[in-house]
N, C-alpha and C. Protein backbone atom coordinates (compact mmCIF):
# COMPACT_ATOMS: atom_id res chain seq x y z
N MET A 1 184.07 146.12 87.66
CA MET A 1 184.08 145.51 86.24
C MET A 1 185.09 146.24 85.44
N SER A 2 185.83 145.55 84.53
CA SER A 2 186.83 146.14 83.79
C SER A 2 186.27 146.82 82.58
N GLU A 3 186.94 147.69 82.07
CA GLU A 3 186.43 148.42 80.90
C GLU A 3 186.22 147.51 79.72
N ARG A 4 187.08 146.52 79.57
CA ARG A 4 186.88 145.54 78.40
C ARG A 4 185.55 144.74 78.50
N GLN A 5 185.17 144.25 79.69
CA GLN A 5 183.97 143.52 79.87
C GLN A 5 182.72 144.43 79.59
N THR A 6 182.85 145.67 80.07
CA THR A 6 181.74 146.63 79.87
C THR A 6 181.51 146.74 78.34
N ARG A 7 182.60 146.93 77.63
CA ARG A 7 182.45 147.09 76.19
C ARG A 7 181.75 145.86 75.54
N SER A 8 182.15 144.67 76.01
CA SER A 8 181.64 143.39 75.39
C SER A 8 180.17 143.24 75.71
N SER A 9 179.75 143.70 76.86
CA SER A 9 178.35 143.55 77.26
C SER A 9 177.45 144.52 76.41
N ARG A 10 178.01 145.67 76.22
CA ARG A 10 177.24 146.61 75.41
C ARG A 10 177.19 146.17 73.93
N HIS A 11 178.20 145.44 73.44
CA HIS A 11 178.23 144.96 72.11
C HIS A 11 177.18 143.87 71.91
N LEU A 12 177.00 142.97 72.90
CA LEU A 12 176.01 141.80 72.77
C LEU A 12 174.48 142.25 72.86
N GLN A 13 174.27 143.31 73.62
CA GLN A 13 172.83 143.72 73.89
C GLN A 13 172.06 144.09 72.67
N PRO A 14 172.62 144.91 71.81
CA PRO A 14 171.85 145.11 70.55
C PRO A 14 171.47 143.91 69.78
N SER A 15 172.44 142.88 69.77
CA SER A 15 172.19 141.69 68.94
C SER A 15 171.04 140.89 69.51
N ARG A 16 170.91 140.84 70.89
CA ARG A 16 169.81 140.19 71.47
C ARG A 16 168.45 140.85 71.19
N ASN A 17 168.47 142.20 71.17
CA ASN A 17 167.26 142.89 70.87
C ASN A 17 166.87 142.64 69.40
N LYS A 18 167.73 142.55 68.53
CA LYS A 18 167.37 142.32 67.13
C LYS A 18 166.66 140.97 66.96
N LYS A 19 167.27 140.00 67.67
CA LYS A 19 166.70 138.64 67.59
C LYS A 19 165.26 138.59 68.22
N LEU A 20 165.01 139.30 69.32
CA LEU A 20 163.70 139.37 69.91
C LEU A 20 162.72 140.02 69.08
N ASP A 21 163.20 141.20 68.37
CA ASP A 21 162.30 141.88 67.44
C ASP A 21 161.91 140.95 66.26
N LYS A 22 162.88 140.22 65.81
CA LYS A 22 162.65 139.29 64.68
C LYS A 22 161.62 138.28 65.05
N LEU A 23 161.75 137.72 66.29
CA LEU A 23 160.81 136.64 66.77
C LEU A 23 159.42 137.28 66.88
N LEU A 24 159.36 138.49 67.39
CA LEU A 24 157.98 139.08 67.57
C LEU A 24 157.40 139.33 66.21
N ASN A 25 158.18 139.77 65.26
CA ASN A 25 157.63 139.98 63.85
C ASN A 25 157.15 138.70 63.25
N VAL A 26 157.86 137.57 63.50
CA VAL A 26 157.44 136.32 62.97
C VAL A 26 156.04 135.91 63.65
N LEU A 27 156.02 136.10 64.98
CA LEU A 27 154.76 135.75 65.68
C LEU A 27 153.59 136.55 65.18
N ILE A 28 153.87 137.82 65.03
CA ILE A 28 152.81 138.79 64.51
C ILE A 28 152.36 138.33 63.09
N GLY A 29 153.36 137.96 62.28
CA GLY A 29 152.99 137.41 60.94
C GLY A 29 152.11 136.15 60.98
N VAL A 30 152.50 135.29 61.88
CA VAL A 30 151.74 134.03 62.06
C VAL A 30 150.28 134.37 62.49
N VAL A 31 150.14 135.30 63.47
CA VAL A 31 148.83 135.62 63.88
C VAL A 31 147.98 136.28 62.79
N VAL A 32 148.60 137.10 62.00
CA VAL A 32 147.93 137.76 60.89
C VAL A 32 147.47 136.75 59.86
N VAL A 33 148.27 135.75 59.60
CA VAL A 33 147.96 134.66 58.59
C VAL A 33 146.74 133.91 59.12
N LEU A 34 146.81 133.60 60.47
CA LEU A 34 145.68 132.84 61.03
C LEU A 34 144.38 133.65 61.02
N ILE A 35 144.46 134.92 61.26
CA ILE A 35 143.25 135.75 61.20
C ILE A 35 142.69 135.69 59.75
N ILE A 36 143.64 135.88 58.78
CA ILE A 36 143.18 135.90 57.35
C ILE A 36 142.52 134.57 57.05
N ILE A 37 143.10 133.44 57.47
CA ILE A 37 142.50 132.12 57.19
C ILE A 37 141.16 131.95 57.81
N THR A 38 141.07 132.37 59.09
CA THR A 38 139.82 132.27 59.81
C THR A 38 138.69 133.12 59.18
N ALA A 39 139.12 134.41 58.71
CA ALA A 39 138.13 135.25 58.17
C ALA A 39 137.67 134.68 56.78
N THR A 40 138.67 134.09 56.02
CA THR A 40 138.27 133.54 54.74
C THR A 40 137.27 132.37 54.95
N TYR A 41 137.56 131.56 55.94
CA TYR A 41 136.63 130.36 56.19
C TYR A 41 135.32 130.86 56.54
N VAL A 42 135.21 131.88 57.42
CA VAL A 42 133.88 132.36 57.92
C VAL A 42 133.06 133.01 56.71
N PHE A 43 133.75 133.75 55.92
CA PHE A 43 133.12 134.39 54.76
C PHE A 43 132.57 133.32 53.77
N LYS A 44 133.46 132.29 53.55
CA LYS A 44 133.12 131.18 52.71
C LYS A 44 131.85 130.46 53.16
N TRP A 45 131.88 130.19 54.48
CA TRP A 45 130.80 129.46 55.13
C TRP A 45 129.47 130.24 55.00
N GLN A 46 129.55 131.63 55.20
CA GLN A 46 128.33 132.45 54.93
C GLN A 46 127.84 132.36 53.54
N ASP A 47 128.76 132.47 52.60
CA ASP A 47 128.37 132.36 51.14
C ASP A 47 127.70 131.10 50.85
N ASP A 48 128.17 129.99 51.35
CA ASP A 48 127.62 128.69 51.12
C ASP A 48 126.22 128.59 51.71
N ALA A 49 126.06 129.17 52.84
CA ALA A 49 124.74 129.14 53.58
C ALA A 49 123.72 129.90 52.80
N GLU A 50 124.12 131.12 52.19
CA GLU A 50 123.21 131.93 51.46
C GLU A 50 122.89 131.25 50.13
N GLN A 51 123.82 130.58 49.53
CA GLN A 51 123.56 129.86 48.32
C GLN A 51 122.64 128.71 48.42
N THR A 52 122.71 128.12 49.59
CA THR A 52 121.81 126.96 49.90
C THR A 52 120.40 127.44 50.00
N VAL A 53 120.16 128.68 50.72
CA VAL A 53 118.86 129.18 50.89
C VAL A 53 118.27 129.64 49.54
N LYS A 54 119.15 130.14 48.64
CA LYS A 54 118.69 130.56 47.29
C LYS A 54 118.29 129.33 46.50
N ASP A 55 119.01 128.26 46.58
CA ASP A 55 118.76 127.04 45.75
C ASP A 55 117.52 126.32 46.13
N GLU A 56 117.02 126.44 47.42
CA GLU A 56 115.91 125.70 47.91
C GLU A 56 114.60 126.15 47.15
N PRO A 57 114.26 127.48 47.04
CA PRO A 57 113.11 127.89 46.26
C PRO A 57 113.16 127.46 44.83
N ALA A 58 114.35 127.50 44.31
CA ALA A 58 114.56 127.08 42.85
C ALA A 58 114.25 125.63 42.67
N GLN A 59 114.60 124.83 43.66
CA GLN A 59 114.32 123.40 43.61
C GLN A 59 112.78 123.15 43.67
N GLU A 60 112.13 123.90 44.64
CA GLU A 60 110.70 123.80 44.80
C GLU A 60 109.98 124.24 43.58
N GLU A 61 110.43 125.23 42.98
CA GLU A 61 109.78 125.72 41.71
C GLU A 61 109.95 124.73 40.62
N LYS A 62 111.15 124.08 40.60
CA LYS A 62 111.34 123.00 39.57
C LYS A 62 110.39 121.86 39.79
N ASP A 63 110.21 121.53 41.12
CA ASP A 63 109.29 120.45 41.46
C ASP A 63 107.84 120.85 40.98
N ASP A 64 107.46 122.06 41.27
CA ASP A 64 106.07 122.48 40.90
C ASP A 64 105.94 122.40 39.38
N ASN A 65 107.02 122.81 38.65
CA ASN A 65 106.86 122.72 37.18
C ASN A 65 106.66 121.25 36.74
N LYS A 66 107.33 120.33 37.49
CA LYS A 66 107.15 118.89 37.15
C LYS A 66 105.67 118.47 37.32
N GLU A 67 105.10 119.00 38.42
CA GLU A 67 103.69 118.67 38.62
C GLU A 67 102.79 119.22 37.56
N VAL A 68 103.01 120.46 37.09
CA VAL A 68 102.23 121.09 36.07
C VAL A 68 102.39 120.34 34.71
N ASP A 69 103.57 119.82 34.49
CA ASP A 69 103.80 119.11 33.23
C ASP A 69 103.06 117.78 33.20
N LYS A 70 102.53 117.32 34.38
CA LYS A 70 101.77 116.11 34.38
C LYS A 70 100.39 116.23 33.74
N GLU A 71 99.75 117.44 33.81
CA GLU A 71 98.40 117.58 33.34
C GLU A 71 98.23 117.32 31.85
N PRO A 72 99.15 117.98 30.96
CA PRO A 72 98.95 117.67 29.57
C PRO A 72 98.98 116.21 29.25
N VAL A 73 99.76 115.44 30.01
CA VAL A 73 99.85 113.99 29.77
C VAL A 73 98.43 113.39 29.90
N LYS A 74 97.71 113.83 30.96
CA LYS A 74 96.38 113.30 31.18
C LYS A 74 95.42 113.67 30.02
N GLU A 75 95.59 114.93 29.49
CA GLU A 75 94.77 115.35 28.38
C GLU A 75 95.07 114.54 27.15
N ASP A 76 96.34 114.18 26.97
CA ASP A 76 96.75 113.37 25.78
C ASP A 76 96.12 112.02 25.90
N GLU A 77 96.14 111.46 27.14
CA GLU A 77 95.59 110.11 27.33
C GLU A 77 94.07 110.21 27.06
N LYS A 78 93.37 111.30 27.47
CA LYS A 78 91.97 111.39 27.21
C LYS A 78 91.73 111.51 25.69
N ASP A 79 92.47 112.34 25.04
CA ASP A 79 92.36 112.42 23.54
C ASP A 79 92.49 111.03 22.89
N LEU A 80 93.52 110.36 23.44
CA LEU A 80 93.78 109.02 22.86
C LEU A 80 92.69 108.05 23.04
N ALA A 81 92.04 108.19 24.22
CA ALA A 81 90.87 107.32 24.49
C ALA A 81 89.74 107.64 23.62
N VAL A 82 89.47 108.97 23.39
CA VAL A 82 88.43 109.37 22.44
C VAL A 82 88.64 108.85 21.06
N GLU A 83 89.97 108.97 20.64
CA GLU A 83 90.26 108.45 19.25
C GLU A 83 90.06 107.03 19.16
N GLU A 84 90.37 106.33 20.20
CA GLU A 84 90.21 104.84 20.24
C GLU A 84 88.71 104.49 20.06
N ASP A 85 87.86 105.26 20.89
CA ASP A 85 86.39 104.99 20.77
C ASP A 85 85.92 105.26 19.40
N GLN A 86 86.36 106.44 18.81
CA GLN A 86 85.94 106.69 17.46
C GLN A 86 86.33 105.60 16.48
N ALA A 87 87.57 105.12 16.66
CA ALA A 87 88.09 104.10 15.73
C ALA A 87 87.29 102.83 15.96
N SER A 88 86.87 102.52 17.17
CA SER A 88 86.08 101.35 17.43
C SER A 88 84.67 101.45 16.84
N GLU A 89 84.11 102.60 16.88
CA GLU A 89 82.79 102.93 16.26
C GLU A 89 82.87 102.75 14.74
N GLU A 90 83.97 103.21 14.17
CA GLU A 90 84.14 103.12 12.66
C GLU A 90 84.31 101.60 12.38
N GLU A 91 85.01 100.86 13.15
CA GLU A 91 85.20 99.46 12.85
C GLU A 91 83.84 98.70 12.98
N ASP A 92 83.05 99.10 13.94
CA ASP A 92 81.70 98.46 14.09
C ASP A 92 80.75 98.90 12.99
N GLY A 93 81.08 100.05 12.39
CA GLY A 93 80.14 100.58 11.39
C GLY A 93 78.91 101.17 12.00
N SER A 94 78.97 101.66 13.28
CA SER A 94 77.73 102.24 13.95
C SER A 94 78.19 103.55 14.50
N HIS A 95 77.06 104.29 14.88
CA HIS A 95 77.24 105.63 15.49
C HIS A 95 76.30 105.71 16.68
N PRO A 96 76.50 106.56 17.65
CA PRO A 96 75.70 106.74 18.83
C PRO A 96 74.23 106.91 18.49
N GLU A 97 73.97 107.81 17.48
CA GLU A 97 72.60 108.12 17.09
C GLU A 97 71.95 106.90 16.56
N GLU A 98 72.67 106.11 15.73
CA GLU A 98 71.99 104.93 15.18
C GLU A 98 71.73 103.87 16.29
N ASN A 99 72.67 103.84 17.27
CA ASN A 99 72.48 102.88 18.36
C ASN A 99 71.23 103.23 19.14
N GLN A 100 71.01 104.59 19.37
CA GLN A 100 69.76 105.00 20.13
C GLN A 100 68.51 104.56 19.33
N GLN A 101 68.59 104.74 18.05
CA GLN A 101 67.32 104.38 17.23
C GLN A 101 67.19 102.99 17.37
N GLU A 102 68.25 102.14 17.31
CA GLU A 102 68.11 100.64 17.36
C GLU A 102 67.55 100.27 18.70
N GLN A 103 67.80 101.03 19.79
CA GLN A 103 67.42 100.63 21.13
C GLN A 103 66.06 101.23 21.41
N GLY A 104 65.36 101.81 20.43
CA GLY A 104 64.02 102.34 20.70
C GLY A 104 63.94 103.70 21.33
N MET A 105 65.00 104.44 21.21
CA MET A 105 64.97 105.85 21.83
C MET A 105 64.04 106.68 21.03
N PRO A 106 63.41 107.76 21.60
CA PRO A 106 62.58 108.66 20.84
C PRO A 106 63.37 109.35 19.74
N GLU A 107 62.61 109.43 18.55
CA GLU A 107 63.18 110.11 17.42
C GLU A 107 62.35 111.33 17.12
N GLU A 108 63.04 112.52 16.88
CA GLU A 108 62.32 113.74 16.65
C GLU A 108 62.56 114.16 15.14
N SER A 109 61.61 114.74 14.57
CA SER A 109 61.71 115.28 13.15
C SER A 109 60.77 116.48 13.08
N THR A 110 60.97 117.20 11.93
CA THR A 110 60.20 118.39 11.65
C THR A 110 59.02 118.01 10.79
N SER A 111 58.06 119.02 10.65
CA SER A 111 56.92 118.83 9.84
C SER A 111 56.77 120.04 8.94
N ASP A 112 56.12 119.75 7.79
CA ASP A 112 55.74 120.83 6.81
C ASP A 112 54.59 121.70 7.36
N ASN A 113 53.88 121.10 8.29
CA ASN A 113 52.66 121.81 8.93
C ASN A 113 53.16 122.86 9.86
N PRO A 114 52.77 124.18 9.65
CA PRO A 114 53.25 125.18 10.51
C PRO A 114 52.71 125.09 11.93
N ASN A 115 51.59 124.33 12.05
CA ASN A 115 51.01 124.18 13.38
C ASN A 115 51.89 123.17 14.33
N VAL A 116 52.76 122.47 13.65
CA VAL A 116 53.43 121.35 14.35
C VAL A 116 54.89 121.87 14.61
N GLU A 117 55.25 121.84 15.97
CA GLU A 117 56.56 122.24 16.36
C GLU A 117 57.56 121.12 16.07
N LYS A 118 57.17 119.91 16.41
CA LYS A 118 58.05 118.76 16.08
C LYS A 118 57.21 117.41 16.10
N VAL A 119 57.77 116.41 15.54
CA VAL A 119 57.12 115.14 15.38
C VAL A 119 58.02 114.10 16.17
N ILE A 120 57.38 113.35 17.02
CA ILE A 120 58.10 112.40 18.00
C ILE A 120 57.51 110.97 17.64
N THR A 121 58.46 110.08 17.41
CA THR A 121 58.12 108.64 17.25
C THR A 121 59.04 107.80 18.16
N ASN A 122 58.57 106.68 18.57
CA ASN A 122 59.41 105.82 19.34
C ASN A 122 59.09 104.26 19.15
N LYS A 123 60.09 103.56 18.69
CA LYS A 123 59.87 102.15 18.41
C LYS A 123 59.60 101.33 19.68
N ASN A 124 59.94 101.95 20.80
CA ASN A 124 59.75 101.28 22.06
C ASN A 124 58.37 101.51 22.70
N TRP A 125 57.49 102.26 22.07
CA TRP A 125 56.13 102.40 22.63
C TRP A 125 55.42 101.05 22.56
N GLN A 126 54.57 100.84 23.56
CA GLN A 126 53.85 99.60 23.68
C GLN A 126 52.32 99.92 23.65
N PRO A 127 51.52 98.94 23.22
CA PRO A 127 50.01 99.17 23.25
C PRO A 127 49.56 99.30 24.74
N THR A 128 48.52 100.10 24.89
CA THR A 128 47.88 100.17 26.18
C THR A 128 47.04 98.98 26.41
N PRO A 129 47.33 98.19 27.45
CA PRO A 129 46.59 96.92 27.71
C PRO A 129 45.08 97.15 27.68
N THR A 130 44.42 96.23 26.97
CA THR A 130 42.98 96.38 26.80
C THR A 130 42.30 95.26 27.63
N THR A 131 40.99 95.58 28.01
CA THR A 131 40.13 94.62 28.67
C THR A 131 39.06 94.09 27.69
N GLN A 132 39.17 94.58 26.44
CA GLN A 132 38.16 94.20 25.47
C GLN A 132 38.45 92.81 24.93
N THR A 133 37.40 92.07 24.61
CA THR A 133 37.50 90.78 24.00
C THR A 133 36.63 90.64 22.77
N GLY A 134 36.91 89.65 21.94
CA GLY A 134 36.10 89.48 20.78
C GLY A 134 36.52 90.40 19.69
N GLN A 135 35.56 90.64 18.73
CA GLN A 135 35.74 91.52 17.60
C GLN A 135 35.85 93.00 18.13
N HIS A 136 36.85 93.73 17.73
CA HIS A 136 36.99 95.05 18.19
C HIS A 136 36.24 95.97 17.32
N VAL A 137 35.59 96.92 18.01
CA VAL A 137 34.83 97.98 17.35
C VAL A 137 35.27 99.29 17.94
N SER A 138 35.85 100.22 17.09
CA SER A 138 36.30 101.51 17.65
C SER A 138 35.06 102.34 17.96
N SER A 139 35.19 102.97 19.14
CA SER A 139 33.99 103.73 19.66
C SER A 139 34.44 105.10 20.06
N TYR A 140 33.56 106.10 19.84
CA TYR A 140 33.82 107.49 20.19
C TYR A 140 32.80 108.01 21.19
N ASP A 141 32.22 107.08 21.88
CA ASP A 141 31.27 107.33 22.85
C ASP A 141 32.11 107.46 24.26
N SER A 142 32.01 108.64 24.85
CA SER A 142 32.82 108.93 25.96
C SER A 142 32.55 107.99 27.20
N SER A 143 31.50 107.27 27.10
CA SER A 143 31.15 106.38 28.21
C SER A 143 31.66 104.91 27.95
N SER A 144 32.21 104.69 26.75
CA SER A 144 32.61 103.33 26.35
C SER A 144 34.03 102.97 26.85
N ILE A 145 34.26 101.65 26.88
CA ILE A 145 35.60 101.19 27.41
C ILE A 145 36.61 101.54 26.30
N ASP A 146 36.25 101.48 25.08
CA ASP A 146 37.22 101.79 23.98
C ASP A 146 37.66 103.22 24.06
N TRP A 147 36.70 104.14 24.31
CA TRP A 147 37.12 105.53 24.55
C TRP A 147 38.03 105.71 25.70
N SER A 148 37.77 105.06 26.79
CA SER A 148 38.58 105.18 27.99
C SER A 148 39.99 104.68 27.70
N GLU A 149 40.13 103.64 26.85
CA GLU A 149 41.46 103.08 26.55
C GLU A 149 42.17 104.02 25.59
N LYS A 150 41.36 104.70 24.66
CA LYS A 150 42.10 105.72 23.88
C LYS A 150 42.63 106.83 24.75
N VAL A 151 41.90 107.27 25.74
CA VAL A 151 42.23 108.37 26.64
C VAL A 151 43.59 107.95 27.45
N ALA A 152 43.50 106.70 27.89
CA ALA A 152 44.65 106.17 28.62
C ALA A 152 45.98 106.11 27.71
N THR A 153 45.70 105.84 26.46
CA THR A 153 46.92 105.88 25.47
C THR A 153 47.40 107.34 25.35
N VAL A 154 46.50 108.26 25.29
CA VAL A 154 46.86 109.66 25.10
C VAL A 154 47.68 110.14 26.37
N THR A 155 47.17 109.86 27.53
CA THR A 155 47.78 110.32 28.73
C THR A 155 49.18 109.63 28.93
N GLY A 156 49.28 108.41 28.53
CA GLY A 156 50.57 107.70 28.66
C GLY A 156 51.58 108.26 27.76
N VAL A 157 51.28 108.59 26.51
CA VAL A 157 52.30 109.09 25.63
C VAL A 157 52.57 110.58 25.79
N THR A 158 51.67 111.35 26.24
CA THR A 158 51.88 112.81 26.41
C THR A 158 52.42 113.08 27.81
N GLY A 159 52.15 112.27 28.78
CA GLY A 159 52.53 112.58 30.14
C GLY A 159 51.56 113.49 30.85
N ILE A 160 50.45 113.89 30.21
CA ILE A 160 49.53 114.77 30.80
C ILE A 160 48.56 114.00 31.71
N ASN A 161 48.46 114.39 32.95
CA ASN A 161 47.45 113.69 33.89
C ASN A 161 46.06 113.91 33.44
N GLN A 162 45.25 112.86 33.54
CA GLN A 162 43.83 112.99 32.95
C GLN A 162 43.01 114.15 33.64
N ASP A 163 43.35 114.50 34.89
CA ASP A 163 42.60 115.51 35.54
C ASP A 163 42.96 116.90 34.91
N ASN A 164 44.13 116.95 34.21
CA ASN A 164 44.56 118.20 33.56
C ASN A 164 44.42 118.18 32.11
N LEU A 165 43.73 117.21 31.61
CA LEU A 165 43.66 116.97 30.16
C LEU A 165 42.36 117.43 29.54
N ILE A 166 42.50 118.18 28.37
CA ILE A 166 41.36 118.64 27.59
C ILE A 166 41.49 117.95 26.29
N ILE A 167 40.45 117.18 25.90
CA ILE A 167 40.33 116.49 24.69
C ILE A 167 39.55 117.37 23.66
N TRP A 168 40.23 118.01 22.72
CA TRP A 168 39.56 118.93 21.86
C TRP A 168 38.84 118.17 20.78
N ARG A 169 39.47 117.02 20.39
CA ARG A 169 38.73 116.25 19.31
C ARG A 169 39.45 114.88 19.32
N MET A 170 38.59 113.85 19.23
CA MET A 170 38.98 112.45 19.10
C MET A 170 38.18 111.86 17.88
N GLN A 171 38.90 111.40 16.86
CA GLN A 171 38.23 110.97 15.59
C GLN A 171 38.95 109.85 14.91
N ASN A 172 38.18 109.37 13.92
CA ASN A 172 38.73 108.29 13.08
C ASN A 172 39.90 108.90 12.24
N ASN A 173 40.94 108.15 12.03
CA ASN A 173 42.03 108.58 11.29
C ASN A 173 42.27 107.81 9.99
N GLY A 174 41.22 107.56 9.28
CA GLY A 174 41.34 106.95 7.95
C GLY A 174 40.96 105.44 7.95
N GLY A 175 40.64 104.84 9.11
CA GLY A 175 40.25 103.45 9.07
C GLY A 175 39.70 103.12 10.47
N PRO A 176 39.01 101.96 10.56
CA PRO A 176 38.28 101.55 11.78
C PRO A 176 39.30 101.21 12.91
N ASN A 177 40.48 101.00 12.61
CA ASN A 177 41.41 100.67 13.64
C ASN A 177 42.51 101.73 13.82
N SER A 178 42.20 102.92 13.35
CA SER A 178 43.08 104.02 13.44
C SER A 178 42.39 105.24 13.97
N SER A 179 43.05 105.96 14.95
CA SER A 179 42.38 107.05 15.59
C SER A 179 43.44 108.20 15.77
N ILE A 180 42.84 109.43 15.94
CA ILE A 180 43.77 110.52 16.22
C ILE A 180 43.04 111.51 17.25
N ALA A 181 43.81 112.04 18.11
CA ALA A 181 43.27 112.86 19.25
C ALA A 181 44.02 114.16 19.38
N THR A 182 43.34 115.31 19.40
CA THR A 182 43.95 116.56 19.64
C THR A 182 43.69 117.00 21.07
N VAL A 183 44.71 117.15 21.85
CA VAL A 183 44.57 117.37 23.27
C VAL A 183 45.51 118.53 23.78
N SER A 184 45.28 118.95 24.99
CA SER A 184 46.20 119.96 25.65
C SER A 184 46.00 119.92 27.08
N THR A 185 46.87 120.57 27.85
CA THR A 185 46.66 120.80 29.28
C THR A 185 45.58 121.92 29.40
N LYS A 186 45.10 122.01 30.59
CA LYS A 186 43.97 123.06 30.77
C LYS A 186 44.52 124.47 30.55
N ASP A 187 45.77 124.72 30.81
CA ASP A 187 46.26 126.05 30.58
C ASP A 187 46.89 126.27 29.22
N LYS A 188 46.84 125.21 28.38
CA LYS A 188 47.25 125.19 27.00
C LYS A 188 48.73 125.37 26.83
N SER A 189 49.46 125.09 27.92
CA SER A 189 50.90 125.26 27.83
C SER A 189 51.54 124.06 27.04
N GLN A 190 50.86 122.95 26.99
CA GLN A 190 51.22 121.77 26.27
C GLN A 190 50.07 121.41 25.30
N MET A 191 50.42 121.23 24.04
CA MET A 191 49.39 120.88 22.99
C MET A 191 49.95 119.78 22.14
N TYR A 192 49.15 118.77 21.98
CA TYR A 192 49.60 117.58 21.22
C TYR A 192 48.50 117.08 20.33
N ARG A 193 49.00 116.29 19.29
CA ARG A 193 48.10 115.46 18.51
C ARG A 193 48.69 114.08 18.49
N VAL A 194 47.84 113.14 18.90
CA VAL A 194 48.33 111.73 19.13
C VAL A 194 47.65 110.87 18.07
N SER A 195 48.47 110.21 17.28
CA SER A 195 48.00 109.16 16.30
C SER A 195 48.17 107.80 16.94
N MET A 196 47.15 106.91 16.84
CA MET A 196 47.20 105.58 17.45
C MET A 196 46.61 104.53 16.59
N GLU A 197 46.97 103.35 16.71
CA GLU A 197 46.43 102.23 15.89
C GLU A 197 46.12 101.06 16.83
N TRP A 198 45.06 100.35 16.46
CA TRP A 198 44.58 99.23 17.29
C TRP A 198 45.46 97.97 16.96
N VAL A 199 45.88 97.34 18.00
CA VAL A 199 46.61 95.96 17.83
C VAL A 199 45.70 94.90 18.44
N ASP A 200 45.30 93.98 17.61
CA ASP A 200 44.36 92.94 18.11
C ASP A 200 44.86 92.21 19.34
N ASN A 201 43.93 92.06 20.29
CA ASN A 201 44.23 91.40 21.50
C ASN A 201 45.22 92.08 22.46
N GLU A 202 45.63 93.29 22.02
CA GLU A 202 46.71 94.00 22.84
C GLU A 202 46.24 95.39 23.29
N GLY A 203 45.66 96.15 22.32
CA GLY A 203 45.12 97.44 22.67
C GLY A 203 45.57 98.60 21.68
N TRP A 204 45.37 99.81 22.06
CA TRP A 204 45.74 100.98 21.28
C TRP A 204 47.19 101.23 21.38
N LEU A 205 47.93 101.39 20.27
CA LEU A 205 49.31 101.63 20.21
C LEU A 205 49.56 103.08 19.73
N PRO A 206 50.24 103.95 20.40
CA PRO A 206 50.63 105.30 19.93
C PRO A 206 51.66 105.13 18.77
N VAL A 207 51.51 105.73 17.72
CA VAL A 207 52.46 105.55 16.62
C VAL A 207 53.14 106.93 16.25
N LYS A 208 52.47 108.05 16.63
CA LYS A 208 53.08 109.36 16.30
C LYS A 208 52.58 110.39 17.32
N LEU A 209 53.51 111.25 17.85
CA LEU A 209 53.11 112.37 18.70
C LEU A 209 53.60 113.60 18.18
N GLU A 210 52.62 114.51 17.91
CA GLU A 210 52.95 115.77 17.26
C GLU A 210 52.85 116.98 18.43
N GLN A 211 53.91 117.60 18.64
CA GLN A 211 53.85 118.78 19.53
C GLN A 211 53.40 120.04 18.72
N LEU A 212 52.34 120.62 19.16
CA LEU A 212 51.68 121.68 18.39
C LEU A 212 52.10 123.06 18.90
N ASN A 213 52.20 123.97 17.95
CA ASN A 213 52.37 125.40 18.26
C ASN A 213 51.04 126.13 18.64
N THR A 214 49.97 125.64 17.99
CA THR A 214 48.70 126.28 18.22
C THR A 214 47.60 125.21 18.00
N LEU A 215 46.46 125.44 18.54
CA LEU A 215 45.31 124.56 18.40
C LEU A 215 44.52 124.95 17.14
N GLU A 216 44.72 126.14 16.67
CA GLU A 216 43.93 126.69 15.55
C GLU A 216 44.31 125.86 14.25
N GLY A 217 43.33 125.25 13.68
CA GLY A 217 43.52 124.36 12.49
C GLY A 217 44.13 123.06 12.75
N ALA A 218 44.27 122.69 14.08
CA ALA A 218 44.86 121.40 14.41
C ALA A 218 43.94 120.30 14.40
N TYR A 219 42.52 120.53 14.39
CA TYR A 219 41.55 119.50 14.32
C TYR A 219 40.40 119.91 13.56
């Protein structure tokens, strides 16, 4: 080989090396860029996944709050219904207590007598059916039908069974067709005074029931 050719070959070799180095640098740069893009995508995907997990409890809590908010609405509806009922009563001009009295419910009151715990009356009480006929004559003979019907009236209004009943006194109450009985249970846990009146062809009608504190001075 001539000296000129050798020099030319040596001159071209560095140029080719520079081009190869440049190409390698470009490839390396491309690889680095791809790595950066991939890493960025992976990190972003992880962040989105974590954010989704955090948002789910918040959404559930929000839903729970909505359910809790429903309760006061029910209370408001209930209050509204009460107000409507009250308004209806006012329009009718009536009250529950008055309605009970009109329907014959028991009425309780106090007494000036210290022996009396309370006084009970009831418009719904009915006479004890009688078997007596003709002119009625009030009797205090314990063997008479009239006496038995008085006792039946007492047991009916007090609720005390006749086997557990003590009659302390049965007497006239100011007229031939009016009577009053002072009674108690055998253990004296219940003590009453029963006022009754005779209704022709029907029987003895209880008109007042007094619950007693004591039997002393009650008859």
